C-alpha atoms as a PDB file:
ATOM      1  CA  UNK A   1     -47.022 178.892 174.616  1.00  0.00           C
ATOM      2  CA  UNK A   2     -45.709 182.074 176.134  1.00  0.00           C
ATOM      3  CA  UNK A   3     -42.941 184.202 174.555  1.00  0.00           C
ATOM      4  CA  UNK A   4     -40.280 182.952 177.011  1.00  0.00           C
ATOM      5  CA  UNK A   5     -41.009 179.301 176.328  1.00  0.00           C
ATOM      6  CA  UNK A   6     -41.230 179.864 172.642  1.00  0.00           C
ATOM      7  CA  UNK A   7     -37.854 181.654 172.604  1.00  0.00           C
ATOM      8  CA  UNK A   8     -36.241 178.721 174.548  1.00  0.00           C
ATOM      9  CA  UNK A   9     -37.702 176.144 172.186  1.00  0.00           C
ATOM     10  CA  UNK A  10     -36.618 178.120 168.999  1.00  0.00           C
ATOM     11  CA  UNK A  11     -33.055 178.523 170.454  1.00  0.00           C
ATOM     12  CA  UNK A  12     -32.810 174.786 170.997  1.00  0.00           C
ATOM     13  CA  UNK A  13     -34.018 174.139 167.482  1.00  0.00           C
ATOM     14  CA  UNK A  14     -31.356 176.398 165.885  1.00  0.00           C
ATOM     15  CA  UNK A  15     -28.295 175.437 167.949  1.00  0.00           C
ATOM     16  CA  UNK A  16     -25.941 172.532 167.301  1.00  0.00           C
ATOM     17  CA  UNK A  17     -27.640 169.525 168.917  1.00  0.00           C
ATOM     18  CA  UNK A  18     -24.439 168.322 170.583  1.00  0.00           C
ATOM     19  CA  UNK A  19     -24.037 171.745 172.137  1.00  0.00           C
ATOM     20  CA  UNK A  20     -27.670 171.730 173.286  1.00  0.00           C
ATOM     21  CA  UNK A  21     -27.109 168.529 175.104  1.00  0.00           C
ATOM     22  CA  UNK A  22     -24.384 170.226 177.209  1.00  0.00           C
ATOM     23  CA  UNK A  23     -26.857 173.012 178.244  1.00  0.00           C
ATOM     24  CA  UNK A  24     -24.329 175.733 177.435  1.00  0.00           C
ATOM     25  CA  UNK A  25     -25.586 178.375 179.840  1.00  0.00           C
ATOM     26  CA  UNK A  26     -25.363 176.040 182.765  1.00  0.00           C
ATOM     27  CA  UNK A  27     -21.926 174.792 181.525  1.00  0.00           C
ATOM     28  CA  UNK A  28     -20.619 178.354 181.456  1.00  0.00           C
ATOM     29  CA  UNK A  29     -21.894 178.976 184.991  1.00  0.00           C
ATOM     30  CA  UNK A  30     -20.368 175.809 186.253  1.00  0.00           C
ATOM     31  CA  UNK A  31     -16.990 176.804 184.714  1.00  0.00           C
ATOM     32  CA  UNK A  32     -17.132 180.210 186.313  1.00  0.00           C
ATOM     33  CA  UNK A  33     -18.002 178.951 189.720  1.00  0.00           C
ATOM     34  CA  UNK A  34     -15.371 176.194 189.556  1.00  0.00           C
ATOM     35  CA  UNK A  35     -12.846 178.816 188.706  1.00  0.00           C
ATOM     36  CA  UNK A  36     -13.966 181.039 191.595  1.00  0.00           C
ATOM     37  CA  UNK A  37     -13.541 178.140 194.019  1.00  0.00           C
ATOM     38  CA  UNK A  38      -9.999 177.523 192.750  1.00  0.00           C
ATOM     39  CA  UNK A  39      -9.221 181.262 192.879  1.00  0.00           C
ATOM     40  CA  UNK A  40      -9.520 181.585 196.643  1.00  0.00           C
ATOM     41  CA  UNK A  41      -6.905 178.839 197.193  1.00  0.00           C
ATOM     42  CA  UNK A  42      -3.644 180.469 198.411  1.00  0.00           C
ATOM     43  CA  UNK A  43      -1.031 180.396 195.708  1.00  0.00           C
ATOM     44  CA  UNK A  44      -3.414 179.355 192.958  1.00  0.00           C
ATOM     45  CA  UNK A  45      -2.596 180.035 189.230  1.00  0.00           C
ATOM     46  CA  UNK A  46      -5.179 180.995 186.692  1.00  0.00           C
ATOM     47  CA  UNK A  47      -3.950 178.312 184.262  1.00  0.00           C
ATOM     48  CA  UNK A  48      -4.522 175.457 186.799  1.00  0.00           C
ATOM     49  CA  UNK A  49      -7.806 176.999 187.950  1.00  0.00           C
ATOM     50  CA  UNK A  50      -9.114 177.136 184.394  1.00  0.00           C
ATOM     51  CA  UNK A  51      -7.897 173.609 183.702  1.00  0.00           C
ATOM     52  CA  UNK A  52      -9.604 172.198 186.714  1.00  0.00           C
ATOM     53  CA  UNK A  53     -12.840 174.103 186.007  1.00  0.00           C
ATOM     54  CA  UNK A  54     -12.933 172.732 182.360  1.00  0.00           C
ATOM     55  CA  UNK A  55     -12.485 169.100 183.685  1.00  0.00           C
ATOM     56  CA  UNK A  56     -15.302 169.747 186.211  1.00  0.00           C
ATOM     57  CA  UNK A  57     -17.491 171.124 183.471  1.00  0.00           C
ATOM     58  CA  UNK A  58     -16.958 167.923 181.459  1.00  0.00           C
ATOM     59  CA  UNK A  59     -18.325 165.916 184.424  1.00  0.00           C
ATOM     60  CA  UNK A  60     -21.290 168.174 184.940  1.00  0.00           C
ATOM     61  CA  UNK A  61     -21.937 168.036 181.068  1.00  0.00           C
ATOM     62  CA  UNK A  62     -21.992 164.238 181.342  1.00  0.00           C
ATOM     63  CA  UNK A  63     -24.551 164.510 184.151  1.00  0.00           C
ATOM     64  CA  UNK A  64     -26.669 166.947 182.031  1.00  0.00           C
ATOM     65  CA  UNK A  65     -26.734 164.542 179.068  1.00  0.00           C
ATOM     66  CA  UNK A  66     -27.592 161.501 181.229  1.00  0.00           C
ATOM     67  CA  UNK A  67     -30.371 163.544 182.774  1.00  0.00           C
ATOM     68  CA  UNK A  68     -31.788 164.219 179.306  1.00  0.00           C
ATOM     69  CA  UNK A  69     -31.521 160.531 178.356  1.00  0.00           C
ATOM     70  CA  UNK A  70     -33.594 159.555 181.401  1.00  0.00           C
ATOM     71  CA  UNK A  71     -36.083 162.445 180.954  1.00  0.00           C
ATOM     72  CA  UNK A  72     -36.582 162.277 177.136  1.00  0.00           C
ATOM     73  CA  UNK A  73     -40.201 161.066 177.597  1.00  0.00           C
ATOM     74  CA  UNK A  74     -41.222 163.852 179.944  1.00  0.00           C
ATOM     75  CA  UNK A  75     -39.149 166.389 177.955  1.00  0.00           C
ATOM     76  CA  UNK A  76     -41.488 165.542 174.951  1.00  0.00           C
ATOM     77  CA  UNK A  77     -44.425 166.715 177.039  1.00  0.00           C
ATOM     78  CA  UNK A  78     -42.968 170.100 177.932  1.00  0.00           C
ATOM     79  CA  UNK A  79     -43.084 173.142 175.642  1.00  0.00           C
ATOM     80  CA  UNK A  80     -39.737 174.369 176.778  1.00  0.00           C
ATOM     81  CA  UNK A  81     -37.898 171.031 176.213  1.00  0.00           C
ATOM     82  CA  UNK A  82     -39.851 169.311 173.343  1.00  0.00           C
ATOM     83  CA  UNK A  83     -37.172 170.425 170.817  1.00  0.00           C
ATOM     84  CA  UNK A  84     -34.244 168.948 172.677  1.00  0.00           C
ATOM     85  CA  UNK A  85     -32.095 166.721 170.461  1.00  0.00           C
ATOM     86  CA  UNK A  86     -33.072 163.378 172.159  1.00  0.00           C
ATOM     87  CA  UNK A  87     -36.802 164.243 171.782  1.00  0.00           C
ATOM     88  CA  UNK A  88     -36.567 165.275 168.112  1.00  0.00           C
ATOM     89  CA  UNK A  89     -34.237 162.380 167.282  1.00  0.00           C
ATOM     90  CA  UNK A  90     -31.411 164.581 166.043  1.00  0.00           C
ATOM     91  CA  UNK A  91     -29.156 162.588 168.477  1.00  0.00           C
ATOM     92  CA  UNK A  92     -29.846 158.899 169.203  1.00  0.00           C
ATOM     93  CA  UNK A  93     -29.943 157.527 172.796  1.00  0.00           C
ATOM     94  CA  UNK A  94     -26.890 155.370 172.173  1.00  0.00           C
ATOM     95  CA  UNK A  95     -24.865 158.219 170.803  1.00  0.00           C
ATOM     96  CA  UNK A  96     -25.819 160.449 173.712  1.00  0.00           C
ATOM     97  CA  UNK A  97     -24.833 157.695 176.143  1.00  0.00           C
ATOM     98  CA  UNK A  98     -21.388 157.339 174.541  1.00  0.00           C
ATOM     99  CA  UNK A  99     -20.965 161.146 174.558  1.00  0.00           C
ATOM    100  CA  UNK A 100     -21.936 161.261 178.300  1.00  0.00           C
ATOM    101  CA  UNK A 101     -19.534 158.365 179.250  1.00  0.00           C
ATOM    102  CA  UNK A 102     -16.632 159.892 177.322  1.00  0.00           C
ATOM    103  CA  UNK A 103     -17.097 163.286 178.962  1.00  0.00           C
ATOM    104  CA  UNK A 104     -17.537 161.779 182.394  1.00  0.00           C
ATOM    105  CA  UNK A 105     -14.467 159.593 182.087  1.00  0.00           C
ATOM    106  CA  UNK A 106     -12.248 162.399 180.679  1.00  0.00           C
ATOM    107  CA  UNK A 107     -13.318 164.737 183.468  1.00  0.00           C
ATOM    108  CA  UNK A 108     -13.053 162.408 186.372  1.00  0.00           C
ATOM    109  CA  UNK A 109      -9.802 160.782 185.131  1.00  0.00           C
ATOM    110  CA  UNK A 110      -8.292 164.259 184.326  1.00  0.00           C
ATOM    111  CA  UNK A 111      -9.075 165.515 187.835  1.00  0.00           C
ATOM    112  CA  UNK A 112      -7.527 162.325 189.449  1.00  0.00           C
ATOM    113  CA  UNK A 113      -4.392 162.435 187.255  1.00  0.00           C
ATOM    114  CA  UNK A 114      -3.854 166.188 186.937  1.00  0.00           C
ATOM    115  CA  UNK A 115      -4.952 167.241 190.396  1.00  0.00           C
ATOM    116  CA  UNK A 116      -6.092 164.791 193.115  1.00  0.00           C
ATOM    117  CA  UNK A 117      -8.298 161.881 193.949  1.00  0.00           C
ATOM    118  CA  UNK A 118     -10.539 163.963 196.311  1.00  0.00           C
ATOM    119  CA  UNK A 119     -11.698 166.310 193.485  1.00  0.00           C
ATOM    120  CA  UNK A 120     -12.226 163.349 191.131  1.00  0.00           C
ATOM    121  CA  UNK A 121     -14.374 161.457 193.705  1.00  0.00           C
ATOM    122  CA  UNK A 122     -16.370 164.477 194.631  1.00  0.00           C
ATOM    123  CA  UNK A 123     -17.081 165.175 190.976  1.00  0.00           C
ATOM    124  CA  UNK A 124     -18.117 161.543 190.461  1.00  0.00           C
ATOM    125  CA  UNK A 125     -20.392 161.709 193.546  1.00  0.00           C
ATOM    126  CA  UNK A 126     -21.984 164.935 192.227  1.00  0.00           C
ATOM    127  CA  UNK A 127     -22.665 163.162 188.875  1.00  0.00           C
ATOM    128  CA  UNK A 128     -24.239 160.178 190.483  1.00  0.00           C
ATOM    129  CA  UNK A 129     -26.299 162.185 192.921  1.00  0.00           C
ATOM    130  CA  UNK A 130     -27.699 164.361 190.043  1.00  0.00           C
ATOM    131  CA  UNK A 131     -28.457 161.486 187.723  1.00  0.00           C
ATOM    132  CA  UNK A 132     -29.365 158.628 190.093  1.00  0.00           C
ATOM    133  CA  UNK A 133     -31.125 160.556 192.865  1.00  0.00           C
ATOM    134  CA  UNK A 134     -32.296 163.971 191.735  1.00  0.00           C
ATOM    135  CA  UNK A 135     -33.522 162.992 188.298  1.00  0.00           C
ATOM    136  CA  UNK A 136     -35.876 160.173 189.292  1.00  0.00           C
ATOM    137  CA  UNK A 137     -36.915 162.020 192.506  1.00  0.00           C
ATOM    138  CA  UNK A 138     -38.444 164.802 190.351  1.00  0.00           C
ATOM    139  CA  UNK A 139     -41.397 162.527 189.703  1.00  0.00           C
ATOM    140  CA  UNK A 140     -41.861 161.464 193.250  1.00  0.00           C
ATOM    141  CA  UNK A 141     -41.271 164.342 195.691  1.00  0.00           C
ATOM    142  CA  UNK A 142     -40.934 168.132 195.820  1.00  0.00           C
ATOM    143  CA  UNK A 143     -37.857 167.636 198.004  1.00  0.00           C
ATOM    144  CA  UNK A 144     -35.963 166.888 194.783  1.00  0.00           C
ATOM    145  CA  UNK A 145     -35.199 170.603 194.660  1.00  0.00           C
ATOM    146  CA  UNK A 146     -33.031 170.252 197.801  1.00  0.00           C
ATOM    147  CA  UNK A 147     -31.112 167.332 196.315  1.00  0.00           C
ATOM    148  CA  UNK A 148     -30.674 169.258 193.029  1.00  0.00           C
ATOM    149  CA  UNK A 149     -29.421 172.322 194.991  1.00  0.00           C
ATOM    150  CA  UNK A 150     -26.714 170.190 196.535  1.00  0.00           C
ATOM    151  CA  UNK A 151     -25.333 169.255 193.142  1.00  0.00           C
ATOM    152  CA  UNK A 152     -25.883 172.839 191.922  1.00  0.00           C
ATOM    153  CA  UNK A 153     -23.725 174.212 194.749  1.00  0.00           C
ATOM    154  CA  UNK A 154     -20.844 171.835 194.207  1.00  0.00           C
ATOM    155  CA  UNK A 155     -18.717 173.585 191.410  1.00  0.00           C
ATOM    156  CA  UNK A 156     -16.827 176.009 193.730  1.00  0.00           C
ATOM    157  CA  UNK A 157     -16.135 173.159 196.239  1.00  0.00           C
ATOM    158  CA  UNK A 158     -14.825 170.998 193.369  1.00  0.00           C
ATOM    159  CA  UNK A 159     -12.646 173.813 192.038  1.00  0.00           C
ATOM    160  CA  UNK A 160     -11.264 174.380 195.548  1.00  0.00           C
ATOM    161  CA  UNK A 161     -10.584 170.769 196.164  1.00  0.00           C
ATOM    162  CA  UNK A 162      -8.802 170.354 192.858  1.00  0.00           C
ATOM    163  CA  UNK A 163      -6.138 173.019 193.723  1.00  0.00           C
ATOM    164  CA  UNK A 164      -6.086 172.662 197.531  1.00  0.00           C
ATOM    165  CA  UNK A 165      -6.472 168.932 197.959  1.00  0.00           C
ATOM    166  CA  UNK A 166      -9.013 169.471 200.786  1.00  0.00           C
ATOM    167  CA  UNK A 167     -12.269 171.394 201.438  1.00  0.00           C
ATOM    168  CA  UNK A 168     -11.471 174.657 203.273  1.00  0.00           C
ATOM    169  CA  UNK A 169     -13.671 177.304 204.898  1.00  0.00           C
ATOM    170  CA  UNK A 170     -14.023 179.300 201.750  1.00  0.00           C
ATOM    171  CA  UNK A 171     -15.317 176.226 199.866  1.00  0.00           C
ATOM    172  CA  UNK A 172     -17.980 175.626 202.485  1.00  0.00           C
ATOM    173  CA  UNK A 173     -19.008 179.271 202.460  1.00  0.00           C
ATOM    174  CA  UNK A 174     -19.400 179.310 198.679  1.00  0.00           C
ATOM    175  CA  UNK A 175     -21.384 176.093 198.844  1.00  0.00           C
ATOM    176  CA  UNK A 176     -23.697 177.581 201.399  1.00  0.00           C
ATOM    177  CA  UNK A 177     -24.309 180.757 199.409  1.00  0.00           C
ATOM    178  CA  UNK A 178     -25.044 179.024 196.189  1.00  0.00           C
ATOM    179  CA  UNK A 179     -27.235 176.405 197.879  1.00  0.00           C
ATOM    180  CA  UNK A 180     -29.436 179.174 199.500  1.00  0.00           C
ATOM    181  CA  UNK A 181     -29.325 181.267 196.311  1.00  0.00           C
ATOM    182  CA  UNK A 182     -30.823 178.624 194.089  1.00  0.00           C
ATOM    183  CA  UNK A 183     -34.219 178.335 195.746  1.00  0.00           C
ATOM    184  CA  UNK A 184     -35.718 181.758 194.957  1.00  0.00           C
ATOM    185  CA  UNK A 185     -34.132 181.460 191.529  1.00  0.00           C
ATOM    186  CA  UNK A 186     -35.609 177.993 190.873  1.00  0.00           C
ATOM    187  CA  UNK A 187     -38.981 178.519 192.411  1.00  0.00           C
ATOM    188  CA  UNK A 188     -39.518 181.567 190.282  1.00  0.00           C
ATOM    189  CA  UNK A 189     -38.546 179.542 187.084  1.00  0.00           C
ATOM    190  CA  UNK A 190     -40.721 176.675 188.266  1.00  0.00           C
ATOM    191  CA  UNK A 191     -43.684 178.996 188.722  1.00  0.00           C
ATOM    192  CA  UNK A 192     -43.353 180.373 185.208  1.00  0.00           C
ATOM    193  CA  UNK A 193     -43.265 176.800 183.764  1.00  0.00           C
ATOM    194  CA  UNK A 194     -45.658 175.167 186.336  1.00  0.00           C
ATOM    195  CA  UNK A 195     -48.026 173.989 183.592  1.00  0.00           C
ATOM    196  CA  UNK A 196     -45.151 172.340 181.768  1.00  0.00           C
ATOM    197  CA  UNK A 197     -44.085 170.622 184.977  1.00  0.00           C
ATOM    198  CA  UNK A 198     -47.671 169.368 185.602  1.00  0.00           C
ATOM    199  CA  UNK A 199     -47.918 167.929 182.066  1.00  0.00           C
ATOM    200  CA  UNK A 200     -44.647 166.075 182.569  1.00  0.00           C
ATOM    201  CA  UNK A 201     -45.609 164.773 186.004  1.00  0.00           C
ATOM    202  CA  UNK A 202     -42.696 166.496 187.813  1.00  0.00           C
ATOM    203  CA  UNK A 203     -43.269 167.171 191.402  1.00  0.00           C
ATOM    204  CA  UNK A 204     -42.083 170.839 191.595  1.00  0.00           C
ATOM    205  CA  UNK A 205     -43.498 173.002 194.408  1.00  0.00           C
ATOM    206  CA  UNK A 206     -45.575 175.313 192.072  1.00  0.00           C
ATOM    207  CA  UNK A 207     -46.938 172.360 190.037  1.00  0.00           C
ATOM    208  CA  UNK A 208     -48.621 170.410 192.846  1.00  0.00           C
ATOM    209  CA  UNK A 209     -52.254 170.855 193.789  1.00  0.00           C
ATOM    210  CA  UNK A 210     -53.199 173.783 196.012  1.00  0.00           C
ATOM    211  CA  UNK A 211     -49.779 175.255 195.702  1.00  0.00           C
ATOM    212  CA  UNK A 212     -50.765 178.947 195.231  1.00  0.00           C
ATOM    213  CA  UNK A 213     -48.278 181.064 197.098  1.00  0.00           C
ATOM    214  CA  UNK A 214     -45.940 178.180 198.124  1.00  0.00           C
ATOM    215  CA  UNK A 215     -43.261 179.034 195.538  1.00  0.00           C
ATOM    216  CA  UNK A 216     -43.120 182.680 196.539  1.00  0.00           C
ATOM    217  CA  UNK A 217     -43.144 182.048 200.263  1.00  0.00           C
ATOM    218  CA  UNK A 218     -40.511 179.358 200.207  1.00  0.00           C
ATOM    219  CA  UNK A 219     -38.293 181.407 197.897  1.00  0.00           C
ATOM    220  CA  UNK A 220     -38.537 184.290 200.372  1.00  0.00           C
ATOM    221  CA  UNK A 221     -37.573 182.068 203.353  1.00  0.00           C
ATOM    222  CA  UNK A 222     -34.364 181.084 201.566  1.00  0.00           C
ATOM    223  CA  UNK A 223     -33.667 184.690 200.479  1.00  0.00           C
ATOM    224  CA  UNK A 224     -33.916 185.752 204.175  1.00  0.00           C
ATOM    225  CA  UNK A 225     -31.495 182.968 205.093  1.00  0.00           C
ATOM    226  CA  UNK A 226     -29.094 184.018 202.311  1.00  0.00           C
ATOM    227  CA  UNK A 227     -28.457 187.395 203.949  1.00  0.00           C
ATOM    228  CA  UNK A 228     -26.505 185.951 207.006  1.00  0.00           C
ATOM    229  CA  UNK A 229     -25.217 183.032 204.981  1.00  0.00           C
ATOM    230  CA  UNK A 230     -23.590 185.401 202.460  1.00  0.00           C
ATOM    231  CA  UNK A 231     -21.881 187.185 205.347  1.00  0.00           C
ATOM    232  CA  UNK A 232     -20.202 184.041 206.606  1.00  0.00           C
ATOM    233  CA  UNK A 233     -16.827 184.959 204.947  1.00  0.00           C
ATOM    234  CA  UNK A 234     -16.922 188.107 207.031  1.00  0.00           C
ATOM    235  CA  UNK A 235     -17.695 186.441 210.283  1.00  0.00           C
ATOM    236  CA  UNK A 236     -15.083 183.708 209.517  1.00  0.00           C
ATOM    237  CA  UNK A 237     -12.400 186.316 208.845  1.00  0.00           C
ATOM    238  CA  UNK A 238     -12.040 185.271 205.184  1.00  0.00           C
ATOM    239  CA  UNK A 239     -13.062 188.500 203.533  1.00  0.00           C
ATOM    240  CA  UNK A 240     -12.938 192.213 204.283  1.00  0.00           C
ATOM    241  CA  UNK A 241     -15.219 195.274 204.345  1.00  0.00           C
ATOM    242  CA  UNK A 242     -15.627 195.548 200.535  1.00  0.00           C
ATOM    243  CA  UNK A 243     -17.030 192.103 200.290  1.00  0.00           C
ATOM    244  CA  UNK A 244     -19.276 192.734 203.297  1.00  0.00           C
ATOM    245  CA  UNK A 245     -20.842 195.933 202.014  1.00  0.00           C
ATOM    246  CA  UNK A 246     -21.263 194.677 198.534  1.00  0.00           C
ATOM    247  CA  UNK A 247     -22.775 191.293 199.384  1.00  0.00           C
ATOM    248  CA  UNK A 248     -25.155 192.860 201.943  1.00  0.00           C
ATOM    249  CA  UNK A 249     -26.536 195.209 199.233  1.00  0.00           C
ATOM    250  CA  UNK A 250     -26.834 192.309 196.721  1.00  0.00           C
ATOM    251  CA  UNK A 251     -28.513 190.079 199.274  1.00  0.00           C
ATOM    252  CA  UNK A 252     -31.057 192.722 200.271  1.00  0.00           C
ATOM    253  CA  UNK A 253     -31.958 193.457 196.713  1.00  0.00           C
ATOM    254  CA  UNK A 254     -32.441 189.678 196.103  1.00  0.00           C
ATOM    255  CA  UNK A 255     -34.526 189.524 199.216  1.00  0.00           C
ATOM    256  CA  UNK A 256     -36.644 192.450 198.050  1.00  0.00           C
ATOM    257  CA  UNK A 257     -37.373 190.793 194.712  1.00  0.00           C
ATOM    258  CA  UNK A 258     -38.181 187.539 196.417  1.00  0.00           C
ATOM    259  CA  UNK A 259     -40.628 189.159 198.905  1.00  0.00           C
ATOM    260  CA  UNK A 260     -42.184 191.147 196.046  1.00  0.00           C
ATOM    261  CA  UNK A 261     -42.853 187.809 194.208  1.00  0.00           C
ATOM    262  CA  UNK A 262     -44.024 186.166 197.438  1.00  0.00           C
ATOM    263  CA  UNK A 263     -46.606 188.933 198.017  1.00  0.00           C
ATOM    264  CA  UNK A 264     -48.159 188.457 194.579  1.00  0.00           C
ATOM    265  CA  UNK A 265     -47.125 185.625 192.199  1.00  0.00           C
ATOM    266  CA  UNK A 266     -47.349 186.742 188.561  1.00  0.00           C
ATOM    267  CA  UNK A 267     -45.192 186.439 185.485  1.00  0.00           C
ATOM    268  CA  UNK A 268     -43.676 189.890 185.666  1.00  0.00           C
ATOM    269  CA  UNK A 269     -42.488 189.571 189.227  1.00  0.00           C
ATOM    270  CA  UNK A 270     -41.298 186.013 188.615  1.00  0.00           C
ATOM    271  CA  UNK A 271     -39.212 187.212 185.655  1.00  0.00           C
ATOM    272  CA  UNK A 272     -37.860 190.127 187.690  1.00  0.00           C
ATOM    273  CA  UNK A 273     -36.763 187.704 190.402  1.00  0.00           C
ATOM    274  CA  UNK A 274     -34.930 185.454 187.867  1.00  0.00           C
ATOM    275  CA  UNK A 275     -33.249 188.511 186.385  1.00  0.00           C
ATOM    276  CA  UNK A 276     -32.018 189.632 189.851  1.00  0.00           C
ATOM    277  CA  UNK A 277     -30.841 186.143 190.666  1.00  0.00           C
ATOM    278  CA  UNK A 278     -28.832 185.969 187.461  1.00  0.00           C
ATOM    279  CA  UNK A 279     -27.112 189.354 188.267  1.00  0.00           C
ATOM    280  CA  UNK A 280     -26.477 188.248 191.885  1.00  0.00           C
ATOM    281  CA  UNK A 281     -23.964 185.442 191.234  1.00  0.00           C
ATOM    282  CA  UNK A 282     -21.582 187.241 188.833  1.00  0.00           C
ATOM    283  CA  UNK A 283     -21.450 190.309 191.065  1.00  0.00           C
ATOM    284  CA  UNK A 284     -20.915 188.105 194.139  1.00  0.00           C
ATOM    285  CA  UNK A 285     -18.041 186.399 192.297  1.00  0.00           C
ATOM    286  CA  UNK A 286     -16.501 189.771 191.510  1.00  0.00           C
ATOM    287  CA  UNK A 287     -16.751 190.869 195.083  1.00  0.00           C
ATOM    288  CA  UNK A 288     -14.819 187.774 196.172  1.00  0.00           C
ATOM    289  CA  UNK A 289     -12.069 188.440 193.696  1.00  0.00           C
ATOM    290  CA  UNK A 290     -11.597 192.179 194.168  1.00  0.00           C
ATOM    291  CA  UNK A 291     -11.987 192.200 197.977  1.00  0.00           C
ATOM    292  CA  UNK A 292      -8.346 191.420 198.777  1.00  0.00           C
ATOM    293  CA  UNK A 293      -7.150 194.303 196.439  1.00  0.00           C
ATOM    294  CA  UNK A 294      -9.491 196.822 198.015  1.00  0.00           C
ATOM    295  CA  UNK A 295      -9.047 195.806 201.605  1.00  0.00           C
ATOM    296  CA  UNK A 296      -5.528 194.625 201.601  1.00  0.00           C
ATOM    297  CA  UNK A 297      -6.542 191.293 203.047  1.00  0.00           C
ATOM    298  CA  UNK A 298      -4.414 188.237 202.400  1.00  0.00           C
ATOM    299  CA  UNK A 299      -5.782 184.765 201.622  1.00  0.00           C
END
C-alpha cells in the first residue's frame, strides 16, 4: 500500500461514517460549483444561490451513497476504499438506503418547491445517470469515464437552472469546461490506483491490459481541448479580458502538466497533475466572479 492510499484509508477510518458516505471533499466541490453556476445568473442573490447549491449537494450526496451501496463488494477489494462504512459494517445497507432516499427526496423536492421543476428534474436525471448507468458501466467499459464526466459537470448547470429557470450560455460554457477538465484529473488518479481498479474489476483506462501510455495520452488530448473550450465565454461575449488572460494561463499550465505526465507516466508526475487540476477549478471560479469587477462587463 503506498502512502497516498494508506492516508486515504486512515482518513476514512477516523471520520464519522455518515460523513464518509457523503464523500465530503466531493460534496464541497459540488456546492462550490453549483453556487458558481447560480452566481452568473443576472440579479442573483447569494442567499438563494447557496440554498440551491445545498439542495443540489443533497441530491449528489444521495447518488454517492447509492454508488457505495452498489459497489460495496468491489470497494472491499480496493486498498483505498476497503475502510468505507458499508465495507466495514459501521453502517448497514438498509440504513444507507434510507439515508440516500431521504437526502434525494429532500434535495429534489426542495428544488421543485423552492426554485423550479427544471432544476429538480435535471438533478434527478443526474442522480439516475450516475447510479444506474455510470456505476454498473465501470465493470463493463472504459467509456464509463465519459458518462461519469457528464454527471460531474452538472453542478453549475443545476445551480444556473435553479435561479434562472432555464439553461443559458454561461451554464453550457461551465459544463464544457468541467467536462474537459475531468479527464486529465481522473486519468492521473486512475493511473495511481490502477492496481486497485484491476483487483476490483473496474474497466478504467489505466487498468486494462496493454494500457501503458494510454492514460497520459488521452488526458493530454482533453487538456489540449480544454484550452479553446475554456475561452468560450470570451468568444461568446460573456466574459472580459481578465477572465481571458487568467484562464489561458491556467489552461496552459494544466496542459503542460498533462503533457509531462503523458511523456512519462510515473507517480510523481501523476500526483503533480492531480495537484495542478485541483488548483485549476478554484482559480477558474475566482476568475469568473472577479472578471466583471475588473473589466466593467455586465452580466
